Structures are given as structure tokens and as C-alpha cells.
């Protein structure tokens, strides 16, 4: 179970490059007890993508995720030029079970998202 955290200010100084992502993808971990070895727990993060930043290829991870696009735009799928992609504008939401390929991602104007990653049923 995640630790108890009362309201706290989101600090601009806490942004860090998002591990495994290209430049322009940043994350701020809000609360975390995700254990990929035991496949338990969850992680709640803020993610932001700088204008023009993009990933190459699809992502796959074992944990489920729910993502709320709070500000800006997100382009999902397609190639680097955006052919075959879907364009979403805030507010928008996605829910993905673990093991589902998704992406690539890019943002034209930049975006801010709240994401929760978790292992379903503790397995």
C-alpha cells in the first residue's frame, strides 16, 4: 500500500529526465512503492513532454497504467512525421493493462499528464 502523503506543493525543481526516454521527457514521482521484482505496488507520477519531443517505437511494460492528459496535446502512434497517428487534446484519458504495446508518443505544444502504474490483483 502506498505511504500516506498529505497535500504538498509540486516543485519545479523536482523534475528529472524520464529514464529510458529521449530528451524532452520528464517525470516527477509523487508516491512510489512499485516493486517490479515482486510485481506488487504502484507508482503515481507527473509526466511532461516538451514541445516537439518524441519517442521511437512502441513501449511495453508489465504493470498496468492509467494516464490523464491534463494540459496540452499528445500524439499517439504513427511514424515520426505523424502518419497514422491519433492526436489528443486535454482533457483525455487512457487505461492500459500490462503487456499492451503503446506509442510512439510525441507532443506538438507540450503536455502535462498524471500517470498511475500498478500491478493488477497483486500478481
N, C-alpha and C. Protein backbone atom coordinates (compact mmCIF):
# COMPACT_ATOMS: atom_id res chain seq x y z
N UNK A 1 0.84 -1.17 0.00
CA UNK A 1 0.00 0.00 0.00
C UNK A 1 0.89 1.24 0.00
N UNK A 2 0.51 2.22 -0.78
CA UNK A 2 1.30 3.45 -0.86
C UNK A 2 1.35 4.15 0.50
N UNK A 3 2.45 4.85 0.76
CA UNK A 3 2.53 5.60 2.01
C UNK A 3 1.55 6.78 2.01
N UNK A 4 1.19 7.20 3.21
CA UNK A 4 0.32 8.35 3.39
C UNK A 4 1.13 9.62 3.12
N UNK A 5 0.60 10.47 2.22
CA UNK A 5 1.23 11.78 1.96
C UNK A 5 0.12 12.81 1.91
N UNK A 6 0.17 13.76 2.79
CA UNK A 6 -0.80 14.86 2.74
C UNK A 6 -0.44 15.77 1.58
N UNK A 7 -1.29 16.74 1.33
CA UNK A 7 -1.04 17.68 0.24
C UNK A 7 0.37 18.26 0.35
N UNK A 8 1.03 18.39 -0.77
CA UNK A 8 2.34 19.02 -0.84
C UNK A 8 2.44 19.75 -2.17
N UNK A 9 3.24 20.76 -2.19
CA UNK A 9 3.38 21.57 -3.40
C UNK A 9 4.20 20.80 -4.44
N UNK A 10 3.78 20.93 -5.68
CA UNK A 10 4.55 20.38 -6.79
C UNK A 10 5.68 21.37 -7.05
N UNK A 11 6.89 20.87 -7.05
CA UNK A 11 8.07 21.71 -7.09
C UNK A 11 8.72 21.64 -8.47
N UNK A 12 8.89 22.78 -9.11
CA UNK A 12 9.53 22.82 -10.43
C UNK A 12 10.94 22.24 -10.40
N UNK A 13 11.59 22.27 -9.25
CA UNK A 13 12.95 21.75 -9.14
C UNK A 13 13.02 20.23 -9.05
N UNK A 14 11.88 19.56 -8.91
CA UNK A 14 11.87 18.09 -8.76
C UNK A 14 11.76 17.35 -10.09
N UNK A 15 11.62 18.05 -11.20
CA UNK A 15 11.55 17.36 -12.49
C UNK A 15 12.89 16.72 -12.80
N UNK A 16 12.84 15.52 -13.36
CA UNK A 16 14.06 14.82 -13.76
C UNK A 16 13.82 14.12 -15.09
N UNK A 17 14.88 13.89 -15.86
CA UNK A 17 14.70 13.18 -17.12
C UNK A 17 14.04 11.83 -16.86
N UNK A 18 13.13 11.43 -17.74
CA UNK A 18 12.44 10.16 -17.56
C UNK A 18 13.33 9.05 -18.09
N UNK A 19 13.69 8.12 -17.21
CA UNK A 19 14.60 7.03 -17.54
C UNK A 19 14.08 6.22 -18.73
N UNK A 20 14.95 5.99 -19.70
CA UNK A 20 14.60 5.19 -20.86
C UNK A 20 13.91 5.96 -21.97
N UNK A 21 13.74 7.27 -21.79
CA UNK A 21 13.07 8.10 -22.78
C UNK A 21 14.06 9.11 -23.35
N UNK A 22 13.78 9.61 -24.56
CA UNK A 22 14.68 10.62 -25.13
C UNK A 22 14.55 11.97 -24.43
N UNK A 23 15.43 12.89 -24.78
CA UNK A 23 15.39 14.24 -24.23
C UNK A 23 14.02 14.87 -24.47
N UNK A 24 13.56 15.63 -23.48
CA UNK A 24 12.26 16.28 -23.59
C UNK A 24 11.15 15.57 -22.84
N UNK A 25 11.45 14.38 -22.27
CA UNK A 25 10.50 13.63 -21.46
C UNK A 25 10.98 13.72 -20.02
N UNK A 26 10.13 14.26 -19.14
CA UNK A 26 10.50 14.44 -17.74
C UNK A 26 9.43 13.85 -16.84
N UNK A 27 9.83 13.51 -15.63
CA UNK A 27 8.92 12.89 -14.68
C UNK A 27 9.18 13.47 -13.29
N UNK A 28 8.11 13.50 -12.50
CA UNK A 28 8.20 13.87 -11.09
C UNK A 28 7.42 12.80 -10.33
N UNK A 29 8.14 11.99 -9.57
CA UNK A 29 7.49 10.90 -8.84
C UNK A 29 6.79 11.49 -7.62
N UNK A 30 5.50 11.23 -7.50
CA UNK A 30 4.72 11.77 -6.39
C UNK A 30 4.69 10.80 -5.22
N UNK A 31 4.47 9.52 -5.51
CA UNK A 31 4.47 8.48 -4.48
C UNK A 31 4.77 7.16 -5.17
N UNK A 32 5.51 6.28 -4.46
CA UNK A 32 6.00 5.09 -5.15
C UNK A 32 6.25 3.94 -4.18
N UNK A 33 5.63 2.80 -4.46
CA UNK A 33 6.00 1.55 -3.80
C UNK A 33 5.98 0.42 -4.82
N UNK A 34 6.15 0.75 -6.09
CA UNK A 34 6.16 -0.23 -7.17
C UNK A 34 7.38 -1.13 -7.04
N UNK A 35 7.17 -2.44 -7.05
CA UNK A 35 8.27 -3.40 -6.96
C UNK A 35 8.18 -4.34 -8.16
N UNK A 36 8.99 -4.07 -9.20
CA UNK A 36 8.91 -4.90 -10.41
C UNK A 36 9.39 -6.34 -10.20
N UNK A 37 10.20 -6.58 -9.17
CA UNK A 37 10.66 -7.94 -8.91
C UNK A 37 9.52 -8.77 -8.32
N UNK A 38 8.85 -8.23 -7.31
CA UNK A 38 7.72 -8.93 -6.70
C UNK A 38 6.41 -8.73 -7.46
N UNK A 39 6.42 -7.79 -8.42
CA UNK A 39 5.23 -7.45 -9.21
C UNK A 39 4.09 -7.01 -8.29
N UNK A 40 4.42 -6.06 -7.40
CA UNK A 40 3.43 -5.51 -6.47
C UNK A 40 3.58 -3.99 -6.43
N UNK A 41 2.57 -3.35 -5.88
CA UNK A 41 2.63 -1.92 -5.62
C UNK A 41 2.20 -1.06 -6.78
N UNK A 42 2.44 0.23 -6.60
CA UNK A 42 2.04 1.21 -7.61
C UNK A 42 2.95 2.42 -7.54
N UNK A 43 2.88 3.24 -8.59
CA UNK A 43 3.67 4.47 -8.67
C UNK A 43 2.77 5.53 -9.31
N UNK A 44 2.72 6.71 -8.70
CA UNK A 44 1.97 7.84 -9.25
C UNK A 44 2.98 8.93 -9.61
N UNK A 45 2.89 9.41 -10.84
CA UNK A 45 3.86 10.38 -11.33
C UNK A 45 3.18 11.48 -12.14
N UNK A 46 3.86 12.60 -12.20
CA UNK A 46 3.55 13.61 -13.20
C UNK A 46 4.55 13.39 -14.33
N UNK A 47 4.08 13.44 -15.55
CA UNK A 47 4.95 13.34 -16.72
C UNK A 47 4.73 14.57 -17.57
N UNK A 48 5.81 15.08 -18.13
CA UNK A 48 5.64 16.16 -19.08
C UNK A 48 6.54 15.90 -20.29
N UNK A 49 6.01 16.33 -21.42
CA UNK A 49 6.72 16.19 -22.68
C UNK A 49 6.90 17.58 -23.24
N UNK A 50 8.13 17.91 -23.60
CA UNK A 50 8.43 19.22 -24.18
C UNK A 50 7.88 19.30 -25.60
N UNK A 51 7.55 20.51 -26.06
CA UNK A 51 7.09 20.67 -27.44
C UNK A 51 8.09 20.06 -28.42
N UNK A 52 7.57 19.22 -29.32
CA UNK A 52 8.40 18.62 -30.36
C UNK A 52 9.12 17.35 -29.96
N UNK A 53 9.14 16.99 -28.68
CA UNK A 53 9.82 15.76 -28.25
C UNK A 53 9.02 14.54 -28.70
N UNK A 54 9.72 13.45 -29.01
CA UNK A 54 9.03 12.24 -29.45
C UNK A 54 9.85 11.00 -29.13
N UNK A 55 9.14 9.87 -29.02
CA UNK A 55 9.78 8.58 -28.81
C UNK A 55 9.83 7.84 -30.14
N UNK A 56 10.71 6.86 -30.21
CA UNK A 56 10.79 5.98 -31.39
C UNK A 56 10.28 4.61 -30.98
N UNK A 57 9.35 4.07 -31.72
CA UNK A 57 8.87 2.73 -31.44
C UNK A 57 7.86 2.67 -30.32
N UNK A 58 7.37 1.46 -30.10
CA UNK A 58 6.36 1.23 -29.08
C UNK A 58 6.99 0.85 -27.75
N UNK A 59 6.24 1.05 -26.68
CA UNK A 59 6.64 0.68 -25.33
C UNK A 59 5.78 -0.49 -24.88
N UNK A 60 6.36 -1.35 -24.06
CA UNK A 60 5.61 -2.44 -23.42
C UNK A 60 6.18 -2.59 -22.02
N UNK A 61 5.30 -2.64 -21.02
CA UNK A 61 5.74 -2.90 -19.65
C UNK A 61 4.72 -3.78 -18.97
N UNK A 62 5.15 -4.48 -17.93
CA UNK A 62 4.30 -5.47 -17.26
C UNK A 62 3.20 -4.85 -16.42
N UNK A 63 3.44 -3.68 -15.85
CA UNK A 63 2.43 -3.07 -14.99
C UNK A 63 1.36 -2.37 -15.83
N UNK A 64 0.15 -2.33 -15.27
CA UNK A 64 -0.95 -1.60 -15.89
C UNK A 64 -0.70 -0.11 -15.69
N UNK A 65 -1.37 0.71 -16.51
CA UNK A 65 -1.22 2.15 -16.33
C UNK A 65 -2.51 2.87 -16.67
N UNK A 66 -2.72 3.96 -15.96
CA UNK A 66 -3.80 4.89 -16.26
C UNK A 66 -3.17 6.27 -16.40
N UNK A 67 -3.54 6.97 -17.47
CA UNK A 67 -2.92 8.25 -17.78
C UNK A 67 -4.01 9.28 -18.04
N UNK A 68 -3.90 10.43 -17.37
CA UNK A 68 -4.81 11.54 -17.59
C UNK A 68 -4.01 12.68 -18.21
N UNK A 69 -4.35 13.04 -19.43
CA UNK A 69 -3.72 14.17 -20.13
C UNK A 69 -4.39 15.43 -19.60
N UNK A 70 -3.64 16.17 -18.79
CA UNK A 70 -4.17 17.32 -18.07
C UNK A 70 -4.06 18.61 -18.86
N UNK A 71 -2.93 18.81 -19.54
CA UNK A 71 -2.70 20.03 -20.33
C UNK A 71 -2.00 19.66 -21.63
N UNK A 72 -2.30 20.41 -22.68
CA UNK A 72 -1.57 20.27 -23.93
C UNK A 72 -2.11 19.21 -24.85
N UNK A 73 -1.21 18.68 -25.69
CA UNK A 73 -1.62 17.70 -26.68
C UNK A 73 -0.66 16.51 -26.65
N UNK A 74 -1.17 15.37 -27.10
CA UNK A 74 -0.37 14.15 -27.19
C UNK A 74 -0.73 13.44 -28.49
N UNK A 75 0.30 13.10 -29.25
CA UNK A 75 0.12 12.36 -30.50
C UNK A 75 0.59 10.94 -30.22
N UNK A 76 -0.29 9.96 -30.50
CA UNK A 76 -0.04 8.57 -30.17
C UNK A 76 -0.01 7.73 -31.44
N UNK A 77 1.04 6.92 -31.58
CA UNK A 77 1.15 6.02 -32.73
C UNK A 77 1.72 6.72 -33.95
N UNK A 78 1.72 6.02 -35.05
CA UNK A 78 2.21 6.57 -36.31
C UNK A 78 3.73 6.63 -36.36
N UNK A 79 4.23 7.26 -37.42
CA UNK A 79 5.67 7.40 -37.59
C UNK A 79 6.13 8.78 -37.11
N UNK A 80 7.42 9.08 -37.30
CA UNK A 80 8.00 10.33 -36.79
C UNK A 80 7.34 11.57 -37.40
N UNK A 81 6.76 11.43 -38.60
CA UNK A 81 6.06 12.55 -39.24
C UNK A 81 4.59 12.61 -38.84
N UNK A 82 4.13 11.63 -38.07
CA UNK A 82 2.75 11.64 -37.62
C UNK A 82 1.77 10.89 -38.49
N UNK A 83 2.25 10.23 -39.55
CA UNK A 83 1.35 9.45 -40.41
C UNK A 83 0.78 8.27 -39.63
N UNK A 84 -0.54 8.14 -39.63
CA UNK A 84 -1.20 7.05 -38.94
C UNK A 84 -1.37 7.27 -37.45
N UNK A 85 -1.09 8.46 -36.96
CA UNK A 85 -1.19 8.74 -35.53
C UNK A 85 -2.56 9.31 -35.17
N UNK A 86 -2.89 9.23 -33.88
CA UNK A 86 -4.09 9.87 -33.34
C UNK A 86 -3.64 11.04 -32.48
N UNK A 87 -4.32 12.17 -32.62
CA UNK A 87 -3.96 13.39 -31.90
C UNK A 87 -5.01 13.64 -30.82
N UNK A 88 -4.56 13.77 -29.58
CA UNK A 88 -5.46 14.00 -28.45
C UNK A 88 -5.12 15.33 -27.79
N UNK A 89 -6.16 15.99 -27.28
CA UNK A 89 -6.01 17.27 -26.58
C UNK A 89 -6.62 17.14 -25.19
N UNK A 90 -6.01 17.80 -24.23
CA UNK A 90 -6.52 17.76 -22.85
C UNK A 90 -7.91 18.36 -22.80
N UNK A 91 -8.76 17.76 -21.99
CA UNK A 91 -8.56 16.59 -21.15
C UNK A 91 -8.80 15.30 -21.93
N UNK A 92 -7.98 14.28 -21.67
CA UNK A 92 -8.13 12.97 -22.29
C UNK A 92 -7.58 11.93 -21.33
N UNK A 93 -7.97 10.66 -21.53
CA UNK A 93 -7.64 9.61 -20.57
C UNK A 93 -7.34 8.31 -21.32
N UNK A 94 -6.41 7.51 -20.78
CA UNK A 94 -6.12 6.17 -21.30
C UNK A 94 -5.96 5.21 -20.13
N UNK A 95 -6.38 3.97 -20.32
CA UNK A 95 -6.21 2.91 -19.34
C UNK A 95 -5.69 1.69 -20.09
N UNK A 96 -4.51 1.20 -19.71
CA UNK A 96 -3.89 0.08 -20.42
C UNK A 96 -3.52 -1.03 -19.44
N UNK A 97 -3.94 -2.27 -19.74
CA UNK A 97 -3.44 -3.39 -18.94
C UNK A 97 -1.96 -3.59 -19.19
N UNK A 98 -1.28 -4.30 -18.30
CA UNK A 98 0.12 -4.62 -18.52
C UNK A 98 0.30 -5.46 -19.77
N UNK A 99 1.43 -5.30 -20.44
CA UNK A 99 1.75 -6.09 -21.62
C UNK A 99 1.20 -5.57 -22.92
N UNK A 100 0.50 -4.42 -22.90
CA UNK A 100 -0.10 -3.86 -24.11
C UNK A 100 0.89 -2.91 -24.79
N UNK A 101 1.28 -3.17 -26.04
CA UNK A 101 2.15 -2.22 -26.75
C UNK A 101 1.43 -0.88 -26.95
N UNK A 102 2.16 0.22 -26.76
CA UNK A 102 1.58 1.54 -26.96
C UNK A 102 2.68 2.52 -27.38
N UNK A 103 2.26 3.56 -28.08
CA UNK A 103 3.21 4.54 -28.59
C UNK A 103 3.46 4.31 -30.07
N UNK A 104 4.42 4.98 -30.63
CA UNK A 104 5.26 6.01 -30.04
C UNK A 104 4.46 7.26 -29.66
N UNK A 105 5.11 8.16 -28.93
CA UNK A 105 4.46 9.37 -28.44
C UNK A 105 5.23 10.60 -28.88
N UNK A 106 4.48 11.68 -29.09
CA UNK A 106 5.09 12.99 -29.30
C UNK A 106 4.08 14.04 -28.91
N UNK A 107 4.54 15.26 -28.77
CA UNK A 107 3.65 16.37 -28.44
C UNK A 107 4.07 17.57 -29.27
N UNK A 108 3.10 18.21 -29.88
CA UNK A 108 3.40 19.40 -30.68
C UNK A 108 3.59 20.64 -29.81
N UNK A 109 2.69 20.82 -28.82
CA UNK A 109 2.74 22.02 -27.98
C UNK A 109 3.29 21.75 -26.59
N UNK A 110 3.60 20.48 -26.30
CA UNK A 110 4.00 20.08 -24.96
C UNK A 110 2.78 19.62 -24.18
N UNK A 111 2.99 18.82 -23.16
CA UNK A 111 1.84 18.34 -22.38
C UNK A 111 2.26 18.01 -20.96
N UNK A 112 1.25 17.91 -20.10
CA UNK A 112 1.40 17.52 -18.71
C UNK A 112 0.38 16.42 -18.43
N UNK A 113 0.85 15.31 -17.86
CA UNK A 113 -0.02 14.16 -17.59
C UNK A 113 0.17 13.66 -16.17
N UNK A 114 -0.87 13.09 -15.61
CA UNK A 114 -0.81 12.36 -14.36
C UNK A 114 -0.93 10.89 -14.72
N UNK A 115 0.01 10.07 -14.25
CA UNK A 115 0.00 8.64 -14.58
C UNK A 115 0.13 7.80 -13.32
N UNK A 116 -0.61 6.69 -13.30
CA UNK A 116 -0.54 5.72 -12.22
C UNK A 116 -0.19 4.38 -12.84
N UNK A 117 0.87 3.76 -12.34
CA UNK A 117 1.31 2.44 -12.78
C UNK A 117 1.09 1.47 -11.62
N UNK A 118 0.58 0.26 -11.91
CA UNK A 118 0.30 -0.69 -10.83
C UNK A 118 0.24 -2.10 -11.38
N UNK A 119 0.42 -3.05 -10.48
CA UNK A 119 0.25 -4.45 -10.82
C UNK A 119 -1.16 -4.86 -10.41
N UNK A 120 -1.91 -5.37 -11.34
CA UNK A 120 -3.31 -5.75 -11.10
C UNK A 120 -3.35 -7.01 -10.24
N UNK A 121 -4.26 -7.05 -9.30
CA UNK A 121 -4.51 -8.21 -8.44
C UNK A 121 -3.27 -8.68 -7.70
N UNK A 122 -2.30 -7.81 -7.54
CA UNK A 122 -1.10 -8.18 -6.80
C UNK A 122 -0.26 -9.24 -7.47
N UNK A 123 -0.55 -9.56 -8.75
CA UNK A 123 0.20 -10.62 -9.43
C UNK A 123 1.21 -10.04 -10.40
